[in-house]
Amino acid sequence: MIQGIDISRWQTDINWEKVKGDGIEFVIIRACNGLTKDKCFEEHMNSAAAVGIDTGVYCFARADTVQKAEAEAEFVLSLIKNHRLTYPVCYDMESTELMALDNTSRTDVGSAFCEKIENAGYYAMIYTNKDWLENRLEYDRLKRFDIWLAQWRSSPTWEGTFGIWQLGLGKVDGIGDCDRNVSYRNYPEIIEKAKLNHLDEKKLAVGDRVRYSGVLFTASDGEEAAASADGIFTVREIVEGEKSGVLLEVSGWASQQDVEIL
C-alpha cells in the first residue's frame, strides 16, 4: 500500500520536506469547490511537486445537473493544464446539492464529470462513501471509473472495488492533522503506461529538473538581474506569460525558452 493524504485550503504553512520524510508518497489536492478555485491550490501543487511527491486533484461537486458537472470538469481542466499529475482527477460527491437529487440524477452528474475528464486525456475517479455507493448512486453505471472510498474505520467494508481508501484523520509530520489515505494501485505507473494525464508531452512543469546557464532575475518580469547561474536545477514555480516566468531552486527567475528540460 502507498501512503498518501488529501488537503485543501484548510491546511497551510506546510513543511513538505517533513511530509515526505514521514512516508507520504502522494497527495490529492483540492482544485476547486464547484466553480471556485481553492485559494491554496497553486501553492500546494507547486510545493508538493518541488519535493517529488506525486499529485492528483479533486473537485468538490456543487453541480446538480449534467451541464453544471461538465462546467466543473472544464474548470478543473483549466486549472491543471500547467501541472503534471501522476494521480487521478477526482470528483468529490457528497454535497447538499447532490443530496437533493435522486439516485439516477446523482449518477448522471458523476458520469458527466468523469467522461469530460476522460475525453480530455486524464484519469478520472469518483470520491464517495459506502452509504452513497450502496444507497445513493447507481454503482453499476459508475464502476467503470475507479473509486476513492471514504470510510473512516480500522478497515474498509465496502465489497466493491476501489483504488484509494480514505481511512480518517491522522497526524502527519509537517502538517499536523489531515486526511490519511492509502492507494492500492500504482497510479503513476498505470497512468504513464496508458499515456494519460499528458505525461508524455515534453512540457515544462514544477518539479522538473532543467539545465540553465545565464542570468537570473529577482522577479518574473525579468527587469532586475540578480545573479548568474550555470548548472542543473529544480523548477519551483511557473508564471505563464511573464518574460522570466520560471523560478529555479536557486531563488532566481529565468526565461522559459532558455531552460532545457532533462
C-alpha atoms as a PDB file:
ATOM      1  CA  MET A   1       0.000   0.000   0.000  1.00  0.00           C
ATOM      2  CA  ILE A   2       1.131   3.521  -0.819  1.00  0.00           C
ATOM      3  CA  GLN A   3       0.680   6.166   1.876  1.00  0.00           C
ATOM      4  CA  GLY A   4      -0.968   9.455   0.980  1.00  0.00           C
ATOM      5  CA  ILE A   5      -3.004  12.434   2.143  1.00  0.00           C
ATOM      6  CA  ASP A   6      -5.582  14.842   0.769  1.00  0.00           C
ATOM      7  CA  ILE A   7      -5.574  18.571   1.522  1.00  0.00           C
ATOM      8  CA  SER A   8      -7.281  21.861   0.730  1.00  0.00           C
ATOM      9  CA  ARG A   9      -7.089  25.494   1.863  1.00  0.00           C
ATOM     10  CA  TRP A  10      -7.602  24.321   5.423  1.00  0.00           C
ATOM     11  CA  GLN A  11      -4.014  23.053   5.509  1.00  0.00           C
ATOM     12  CA  THR A  12      -1.445  25.863   5.388  1.00  0.00           C
ATOM     13  CA  ASP A  13       2.197  26.523   6.304  1.00  0.00           C
ATOM     14  CA  ILE A  14       3.155  23.003   5.278  1.00  0.00           C
ATOM     15  CA  ASN A  15       6.713  21.762   5.567  1.00  0.00           C
ATOM     16  CA  TRP A  16       6.753  19.482   2.548  1.00  0.00           C
ATOM     17  CA  GLU A  17      10.187  18.040   3.229  1.00  0.00           C
ATOM     18  CA  LYS A  18       8.891  16.780   6.581  1.00  0.00           C
ATOM     19  CA  VAL A  19       5.732  15.447   4.931  1.00  0.00           C
ATOM     20  CA  LYS A  20       7.822  13.427   2.509  1.00  0.00           C
ATOM     21  CA  GLY A  21      10.096  12.296   5.318  1.00  0.00           C
ATOM     22  CA  ASP A  22       7.053  10.965   7.166  1.00  0.00           C
ATOM     23  CA  GLY A  23       6.482   8.435   4.389  1.00  0.00           C
ATOM     24  CA  ILE A  24       3.850  10.305   2.375  1.00  0.00           C
ATOM     25  CA  GLU A  25       4.234   9.437  -1.308  1.00  0.00           C
ATOM     26  CA  PHE A  26       1.160  11.077  -2.819  1.00  0.00           C
ATOM     27  CA  VAL A  27      -1.234  13.940  -2.145  1.00  0.00           C
ATOM     28  CA  ILE A  28      -4.626  14.669  -3.680  1.00  0.00           C
ATOM     29  CA  ILE A  29      -5.150  18.422  -3.653  1.00  0.00           C
ATOM     30  CA  ARG A  30      -8.455  20.256  -3.865  1.00  0.00           C
ATOM     31  CA  ALA A  31      -8.515  22.236  -7.080  1.00  0.00           C
ATOM     32  CA  CYS A  32     -11.909  23.820  -6.572  1.00  0.00           C
ATOM     33  CA  ASN A  33     -15.172  23.971  -4.681  1.00  0.00           C
ATOM     34  CA  GLY A  34     -17.626  23.906  -7.563  1.00  0.00           C
ATOM     35  CA  LEU A  35     -16.509  26.744  -9.815  1.00  0.00           C
ATOM     36  CA  THR A  36     -14.450  28.473  -7.102  1.00  0.00           C
ATOM     37  CA  LYS A  37     -10.710  27.827  -7.170  1.00  0.00           C
ATOM     38  CA  ASP A  38      -9.187  26.674  -3.889  1.00  0.00           C
ATOM     39  CA  LYS A  39      -7.043  29.594  -2.738  1.00  0.00           C
ATOM     40  CA  CYS A  40      -4.127  27.298  -1.846  1.00  0.00           C
ATOM     41  CA  PHE A  41      -4.266  25.162  -4.997  1.00  0.00           C
ATOM     42  CA  GLU A  42      -1.241  26.578  -6.813  1.00  0.00           C
ATOM     43  CA  GLU A  43       0.869  26.740  -3.675  1.00  0.00           C
ATOM     44  CA  HIS A  44       0.047  23.165  -2.715  1.00  0.00           C
ATOM     45  CA  MET A  45       0.627  21.800  -6.222  1.00  0.00           C
ATOM     46  CA  ASN A  46       3.916  23.596  -6.711  1.00  0.00           C
ATOM     47  CA  SER A  47       5.290  22.792  -3.269  1.00  0.00           C
ATOM     48  CA  ALA A  48       4.404  19.096  -3.374  1.00  0.00           C
ATOM     49  CA  ALA A  49       5.874  18.697  -6.853  1.00  0.00           C
ATOM     50  CA  ALA A  50       9.041  20.516  -5.834  1.00  0.00           C
ATOM     51  CA  VAL A  51       9.902  17.826  -3.262  1.00  0.00           C
ATOM     52  CA  GLY A  52       8.909  14.940  -5.526  1.00  0.00           C
ATOM     53  CA  ILE A  53       5.557  13.929  -4.004  1.00  0.00           C
ATOM     54  CA  ASP A  54       3.088  12.534  -6.547  1.00  0.00           C
ATOM     55  CA  THR A  55      -0.017  14.649  -7.035  1.00  0.00           C
ATOM     56  CA  GLY A  56      -3.651  14.245  -8.028  1.00  0.00           C
ATOM     57  CA  VAL A  57      -6.528  16.693  -7.683  1.00  0.00           C
ATOM     58  CA  TYR A  58     -10.166  16.762  -6.691  1.00  0.00           C
ATOM     59  CA  CYS A  59     -13.174  18.964  -7.324  1.00  0.00           C
ATOM     60  CA  PHE A  60     -15.806  19.256  -4.587  1.00  0.00           C
ATOM     61  CA  ALA A  61     -19.001  18.798  -6.589  1.00  0.00           C
ATOM     62  CA  ARG A  62     -21.603  21.555  -6.432  1.00  0.00           C
ATOM     63  CA  ALA A  63     -23.343  20.590  -9.675  1.00  0.00           C
ATOM     64  CA  ASP A  64     -26.956  19.460  -9.671  1.00  0.00           C
ATOM     65  CA  THR A  65     -27.257  18.996 -13.434  1.00  0.00           C
ATOM     66  CA  VAL A  66     -25.197  17.317 -16.136  1.00  0.00           C
ATOM     67  CA  GLN A  67     -24.474  20.693 -17.712  1.00  0.00           C
ATOM     68  CA  LYS A  68     -23.111  22.081 -14.437  1.00  0.00           C
ATOM     69  CA  ALA A  69     -20.984  18.956 -13.905  1.00  0.00           C
ATOM     70  CA  GLU A  70     -19.464  19.411 -17.342  1.00  0.00           C
ATOM     71  CA  ALA A  71     -18.732  23.050 -16.495  1.00  0.00           C
ATOM     72  CA  GLU A  72     -16.976  21.965 -13.301  1.00  0.00           C
ATOM     73  CA  ALA A  73     -14.911  19.485 -15.308  1.00  0.00           C
ATOM     74  CA  GLU A  74     -13.920  22.197 -17.779  1.00  0.00           C
ATOM     75  CA  PHE A  75     -12.933  24.443 -14.883  1.00  0.00           C
ATOM     76  CA  VAL A  76     -10.731  21.734 -13.366  1.00  0.00           C
ATOM     77  CA  LEU A  77      -9.089  21.145 -16.735  1.00  0.00           C
ATOM     78  CA  SER A  78      -8.263  24.850 -16.979  1.00  0.00           C
ATOM     79  CA  LEU A  79      -6.627  24.717 -13.536  1.00  0.00           C
ATOM     80  CA  ILE A  80      -4.474  21.646 -14.115  1.00  0.00           C
ATOM     81  CA  LYS A  81      -3.236  22.354 -17.634  1.00  0.00           C
ATOM     82  CA  ASN A  82       0.104  23.694 -16.384  1.00  0.00           C
ATOM     83  CA  HIS A  83       0.663  20.950 -13.811  1.00  0.00           C
ATOM     84  CA  ARG A  84       1.917  17.388 -14.109  1.00  0.00           C
ATOM     85  CA  LEU A  85      -0.454  14.934 -12.427  1.00  0.00           C
ATOM     86  CA  THR A  86       0.581  11.372 -11.643  1.00  0.00           C
ATOM     87  CA  TYR A  87      -2.645  10.558  -9.743  1.00  0.00           C
ATOM     88  CA  PRO A  88      -6.272  10.801 -10.892  1.00  0.00           C
ATOM     89  CA  VAL A  89      -8.593  13.774 -11.294  1.00  0.00           C
ATOM     90  CA  CYS A  90     -11.303  13.072  -8.722  1.00  0.00           C
ATOM     91  CA  TYR A  91     -14.908  14.171  -8.259  1.00  0.00           C
ATOM     92  CA  ASP A  92     -15.907  14.531  -4.595  1.00  0.00           C
ATOM     93  CA  MET A  93     -19.589  13.559  -4.437  1.00  0.00           C
ATOM     94  CA  GLU A  94     -21.035  14.451  -1.030  1.00  0.00           C
ATOM     95  CA  SER A  95     -22.571  17.937  -1.340  1.00  0.00           C
ATOM     96  CA  THR A  96     -26.001  19.173  -0.293  1.00  0.00           C
ATOM     97  CA  GLU A  97     -26.712  19.983  -3.939  1.00  0.00           C
ATOM     98  CA  LEU A  98     -26.297  16.317  -4.828  1.00  0.00           C
ATOM     99  CA  MET A  99     -28.280  15.150  -1.807  1.00  0.00           C
ATOM    100  CA  ALA A 100     -31.314  16.941  -3.218  1.00  0.00           C
ATOM    101  CA  LEU A 101     -31.276  14.746  -6.350  1.00  0.00           C
ATOM    102  CA  ASP A 102     -32.477  11.204  -6.938  1.00  0.00           C
ATOM    103  CA  ASN A 103     -30.034   8.330  -7.470  1.00  0.00           C
ATOM    104  CA  THR A 104     -30.235   8.436 -11.251  1.00  0.00           C
ATOM    105  CA  SER A 105     -29.628  12.167 -11.431  1.00  0.00           C
ATOM    106  CA  ARG A 106     -26.706  11.959  -8.984  1.00  0.00           C
ATOM    107  CA  THR A 107     -25.180   9.222 -11.110  1.00  0.00           C
ATOM    108  CA  ASP A 108     -25.726  11.276 -14.266  1.00  0.00           C
ATOM    109  CA  VAL A 109     -23.790  14.156 -12.693  1.00  0.00           C
ATOM    110  CA  GLY A 110     -20.863  11.958 -11.653  1.00  0.00           C
ATOM    111  CA  SER A 111     -20.695  10.245 -15.031  1.00  0.00           C
ATOM    112  CA  ALA A 112     -20.785  13.549 -16.893  1.00  0.00           C
ATOM    113  CA  PHE A 113     -17.872  14.978 -14.934  1.00  0.00           C
ATOM    114  CA  CYS A 114     -15.721  11.868 -15.310  1.00  0.00           C
ATOM    115  CA  GLU A 115     -16.455  11.455 -19.001  1.00  0.00           C
ATOM    116  CA  LYS A 116     -15.425  15.051 -19.645  1.00  0.00           C
ATOM    117  CA  ILE A 117     -12.184  14.465 -17.764  1.00  0.00           C
ATOM    118  CA  GLU A 118     -11.527  11.208 -19.642  1.00  0.00           C
ATOM    119  CA  ASN A 119     -12.220  12.793 -23.002  1.00  0.00           C
ATOM    120  CA  ALA A 120      -9.528  15.373 -22.208  1.00  0.00           C
ATOM    121  CA  GLY A 121      -6.974  12.592 -21.711  1.00  0.00           C
ATOM    122  CA  TYR A 122      -6.924  12.362 -17.915  1.00  0.00           C
ATOM    123  CA  TYR A 123      -7.575   9.515 -15.465  1.00  0.00           C
ATOM    124  CA  ALA A 124     -10.950  10.123 -13.778  1.00  0.00           C
ATOM    125  CA  MET A 125     -12.048   8.897 -10.338  1.00  0.00           C
ATOM    126  CA  ILE A 126     -15.113   9.172  -8.066  1.00  0.00           C
ATOM    127  CA  TYR A 127     -14.734  10.025  -4.370  1.00  0.00           C
ATOM    128  CA  THR A 128     -17.635   8.909  -2.209  1.00  0.00           C
ATOM    129  CA  ASN A 129     -18.547   6.788   0.802  1.00  0.00           C
ATOM    130  CA  LYS A 130     -20.037   3.352   1.357  1.00  0.00           C
ATOM    131  CA  ASP A 131     -23.555   4.641   2.030  1.00  0.00           C
ATOM    132  CA  TRP A 132     -23.632   6.554  -1.239  1.00  0.00           C
ATOM    133  CA  LEU A 133     -22.218   3.605  -3.164  1.00  0.00           C
ATOM    134  CA  GLU A 134     -24.872   1.312  -1.754  1.00  0.00           C
ATOM    135  CA  ASN A 135     -27.882   3.608  -1.478  1.00  0.00           C
ATOM    136  CA  ARG A 136     -27.479   6.943  -3.283  1.00  0.00           C
ATOM    137  CA  LEU A 137     -25.706   6.145  -6.553  1.00  0.00           C
ATOM    138  CA  GLU A 138     -26.250   3.618  -9.312  1.00  0.00           C
ATOM    139  CA  TYR A 139     -22.945   1.865  -8.803  1.00  0.00           C
ATOM    140  CA  ASP A 140     -23.255  -0.389 -11.858  1.00  0.00           C
ATOM    141  CA  ARG A 141     -23.140   2.728 -14.026  1.00  0.00           C
ATOM    142  CA  LEU A 142     -20.120   4.168 -12.212  1.00  0.00           C
ATOM    143  CA  LYS A 143     -17.994   1.098 -11.597  1.00  0.00           C
ATOM    144  CA  ARG A 144     -16.021   1.562 -14.799  1.00  0.00           C
ATOM    145  CA  PHE A 145     -14.414   4.536 -13.007  1.00  0.00           C
ATOM    146  CA  ASP A 146     -12.051   3.940 -10.110  1.00  0.00           C
ATOM    147  CA  ILE A 147     -13.487   4.629  -6.680  1.00  0.00           C
ATOM    148  CA  TRP A 148     -11.793   6.641  -3.936  1.00  0.00           C
ATOM    149  CA  LEU A 149     -13.569   5.216  -0.899  1.00  0.00           C
ATOM    150  CA  ALA A 150     -14.200   7.349   2.184  1.00  0.00           C
ATOM    151  CA  GLN A 151     -14.747   5.065   5.161  1.00  0.00           C
ATOM    152  CA  TRP A 152     -13.303   6.123   8.489  1.00  0.00           C
ATOM    153  CA  ARG A 153     -12.672   2.913  10.378  1.00  0.00           C
ATOM    154  CA  SER A 154      -9.904   0.409  11.030  1.00  0.00           C
ATOM    155  CA  SER A 155     -10.564  -1.448   7.764  1.00  0.00           C
ATOM    156  CA  PRO A 156     -12.876  -0.898   4.788  1.00  0.00           C
ATOM    157  CA  THR A 157     -16.066  -2.957   4.495  1.00  0.00           C
ATOM    158  CA  TRP A 158     -17.224  -1.886   1.038  1.00  0.00           C
ATOM    159  CA  GLU A 159     -17.297  -5.072  -1.030  1.00  0.00           C
ATOM    160  CA  GLY A 160     -16.882  -3.422  -4.407  1.00  0.00           C
ATOM    161  CA  THR A 161     -13.563  -2.469  -5.930  1.00  0.00           C
ATOM    162  CA  PHE A 162     -11.734   0.750  -5.077  1.00  0.00           C
ATOM    163  CA  GLY A 163      -8.273   2.112  -5.751  1.00  0.00           C
ATOM    164  CA  ILE A 164      -7.782   4.517  -2.846  1.00  0.00           C
ATOM    165  CA  TRP A 165      -9.137   4.333   0.690  1.00  0.00           C
ATOM    166  CA  GLN A 166      -9.514   7.432   2.861  1.00  0.00           C
ATOM    167  CA  LEU A 167      -9.277   5.949   6.341  1.00  0.00           C
ATOM    168  CA  GLY A 168      -9.682   9.066   8.506  1.00  0.00           C
ATOM    169  CA  LEU A 169      -7.773  11.849  10.196  1.00  0.00           C
ATOM    170  CA  GLY A 170      -4.195  11.298  11.270  1.00  0.00           C
ATOM    171  CA  LYS A 171      -1.142  13.292  12.221  1.00  0.00           C
ATOM    172  CA  VAL A 172       1.471  13.881   9.541  1.00  0.00           C
ATOM    173  CA  ASP A 173       4.812  15.488  10.274  1.00  0.00           C
ATOM    174  CA  GLY A 174       4.988  18.910   8.632  1.00  0.00           C
ATOM    175  CA  ILE A 175       1.200  19.393   8.605  1.00  0.00           C
ATOM    176  CA  GLY A 176      -0.462  18.068  11.745  1.00  0.00           C
ATOM    177  CA  ASP A 177      -3.933  16.590  11.414  1.00  0.00           C
ATOM    178  CA  CYS A 178      -5.151  15.835   7.891  1.00  0.00           C
ATOM    179  CA  ASP A 179      -6.988  13.137   5.954  1.00  0.00           C
ATOM    180  CA  ARG A 180      -4.927   9.980   5.568  1.00  0.00           C
ATOM    181  CA  ASN A 181      -5.233   7.695   2.547  1.00  0.00           C
ATOM    182  CA  VAL A 182      -3.746   4.526   1.168  1.00  0.00           C
ATOM    183  CA  SER A 183      -3.561   3.650  -2.503  1.00  0.00           C
ATOM    184  CA  TYR A 184      -3.805   0.008  -3.537  1.00  0.00           C
ATOM    185  CA  ARG A 185      -2.708   0.781  -7.090  1.00  0.00           C
ATOM    186  CA  ASN A 186       0.451   2.279  -8.506  1.00  0.00           C
ATOM    187  CA  TYR A 187      -1.245   5.157 -10.302  1.00  0.00           C
ATOM    188  CA  PRO A 188       1.924   6.831 -11.588  1.00  0.00           C
ATOM    189  CA  GLU A 189       2.819   3.597 -13.367  1.00  0.00           C
ATOM    190  CA  ILE A 190      -0.746   2.934 -14.577  1.00  0.00           C
ATOM    191  CA  ILE A 191      -1.193   6.467 -15.886  1.00  0.00           C
ATOM    192  CA  GLU A 192       2.204   6.570 -17.567  1.00  0.00           C
ATOM    193  CA  LYS A 193       1.680   3.227 -19.319  1.00  0.00           C
ATOM    194  CA  ALA A 194      -1.763   4.302 -20.515  1.00  0.00           C
ATOM    195  CA  LYS A 195      -0.300   7.605 -21.759  1.00  0.00           C
ATOM    196  CA  LEU A 196      -2.829   9.598 -19.746  1.00  0.00           C
ATOM    197  CA  ASN A 197      -2.625  12.958 -17.934  1.00  0.00           C
ATOM    198  CA  HIS A 198      -0.448  14.221 -20.804  1.00  0.00           C
ATOM    199  CA  LEU A 199       2.664  12.904 -19.079  1.00  0.00           C
ATOM    200  CA  ASP A 200       4.236  12.042 -22.419  1.00  0.00           C
ATOM    201  CA  GLU A 201       4.211  15.670 -23.522  1.00  0.00           C
ATOM    202  CA  LYS A 202       7.523  17.489 -23.252  1.00  0.00           C
ATOM    203  CA  LYS A 203       6.120  20.430 -21.325  1.00  0.00           C
ATOM    204  CA  LEU A 204       7.827  22.277 -18.523  1.00  0.00           C
ATOM    205  CA  ALA A 205       6.253  21.662 -15.111  1.00  0.00           C
ATOM    206  CA  VAL A 206       7.023  22.435 -11.481  1.00  0.00           C
ATOM    207  CA  GLY A 207       9.363  19.792 -10.092  1.00  0.00           C
ATOM    208  CA  ASP A 208      11.175  19.263 -13.399  1.00  0.00           C
ATOM    209  CA  ARG A 209      14.953  19.127 -13.447  1.00  0.00           C
ATOM    210  CA  VAL A 210      16.336  21.564 -16.008  1.00  0.00           C
ATOM    211  CA  ARG A 211      19.683  22.744 -17.297  1.00  0.00           C
ATOM    212  CA  TYR A 212      20.203  26.511 -17.291  1.00  0.00           C
ATOM    213  CA  SER A 213      23.106  28.820 -17.991  1.00  0.00           C
ATOM    214  CA  GLY A 214      22.601  32.551 -17.884  1.00  0.00           C
ATOM    215  CA  VAL A 215      21.356  35.479 -15.861  1.00  0.00           C
ATOM    216  CA  LEU A 216      18.714  35.058 -13.155  1.00  0.00           C
ATOM    217  CA  PHE A 217      16.313  37.832 -12.236  1.00  0.00           C
ATOM    218  CA  THR A 218      14.784  38.946  -8.932  1.00  0.00           C
ATOM    219  CA  ALA A 219      11.212  38.684 -10.258  1.00  0.00           C
ATOM    220  CA  SER A 220       9.298  37.089 -13.117  1.00  0.00           C
ATOM    221  CA  ASP A 221       9.100  40.369 -15.020  1.00  0.00           C
ATOM    222  CA  GLY A 222      12.789  39.953 -15.885  1.00  0.00           C
ATOM    223  CA  GLU A 223      13.648  43.583 -15.188  1.00  0.00           C
ATOM    224  CA  GLU A 224      16.266  43.394 -12.427  1.00  0.00           C
ATOM    225  CA  ALA A 225      19.208  40.999 -12.656  1.00  0.00           C
ATOM    226  CA  ALA A 226      20.072  39.057  -9.514  1.00  0.00           C
ATOM    227  CA  ALA A 227      22.943  36.711 -10.345  1.00  0.00           C
ATOM    228  CA  SER A 228      24.320  34.298 -12.898  1.00  0.00           C
ATOM    229  CA  ALA A 229      23.757  30.551 -12.788  1.00  0.00           C
ATOM    230  CA  ASP A 230      25.156  27.568 -14.639  1.00  0.00           C
ATOM    231  CA  GLY A 231      24.049  24.025 -13.851  1.00  0.00           C
ATOM    232  CA  ILE A 232      21.074  21.730 -13.246  1.00  0.00           C
ATOM    233  CA  PHE A 233      18.189  22.993 -11.124  1.00  0.00           C
ATOM    234  CA  THR A 234      14.657  22.131  -9.995  1.00  0.00           C
ATOM    235  CA  VAL A 235      11.751  24.264 -11.188  1.00  0.00           C
ATOM    236  CA  ARG A 236       9.916  25.743  -8.168  1.00  0.00           C
ATOM    237  CA  GLU A 237       7.248  27.855  -9.856  1.00  0.00           C
ATOM    238  CA  ILE A 238       5.996  28.820 -13.319  1.00  0.00           C
ATOM    239  CA  VAL A 239       4.176  32.045 -14.165  1.00  0.00           C
ATOM    240  CA  GLU A 240       2.728  31.904 -17.658  1.00  0.00           C
ATOM    241  CA  GLY A 241       3.071  34.991 -19.852  1.00  0.00           C
ATOM    242  CA  GLU A 242       5.934  36.519 -17.897  1.00  0.00           C
ATOM    243  CA  LYS A 243       9.256  37.447 -19.505  1.00  0.00           C
ATOM    244  CA  SER A 244      11.176  35.373 -16.944  1.00  0.00           C
ATOM    245  CA  GLY A 245       8.450  33.129 -15.652  1.00  0.00           C
ATOM    246  CA  VAL A 246      10.417  30.156 -14.319  1.00  0.00           C
ATOM    247  CA  LEU A 247      11.614  30.180 -10.717  1.00  0.00           C
ATOM    248  CA  LEU A 248      14.613  27.928 -10.159  1.00  0.00           C
ATOM    249  CA  GLU A 249      15.678  26.442  -6.841  1.00  0.00           C
ATOM    250  CA  VAL A 250      18.491  28.956  -6.537  1.00  0.00           C
ATOM    251  CA  SER A 251      15.767  31.577  -5.949  1.00  0.00           C
ATOM    252  CA  GLY A 252      16.088  33.339  -9.260  1.00  0.00           C
ATOM    253  CA  TRP A 253      13.828  33.705 -12.278  1.00  0.00           C
ATOM    254  CA  ALA A 254      14.717  32.587 -15.808  1.00  0.00           C
ATOM    255  CA  SER A 255      13.065  32.688 -19.209  1.00  0.00           C
ATOM    256  CA  GLN A 256      11.134  29.551 -20.072  1.00  0.00           C
ATOM    257  CA  GLN A 257      12.683  29.403 -23.530  1.00  0.00           C
ATOM    258  CA  ASP A 258      16.177  29.323 -22.025  1.00  0.00           C
ATOM    259  CA  VAL A 259      15.750  26.277 -19.749  1.00  0.00           C
ATOM    260  CA  GLU A 260      16.338  22.768 -21.072  1.00  0.00           C
ATOM    261  CA  ILE A 261      14.148  20.007 -19.692  1.00  0.00           C
ATOM    262  CA  LEU A 262      16.167  16.934 -18.729  1.00  0.00           C
END
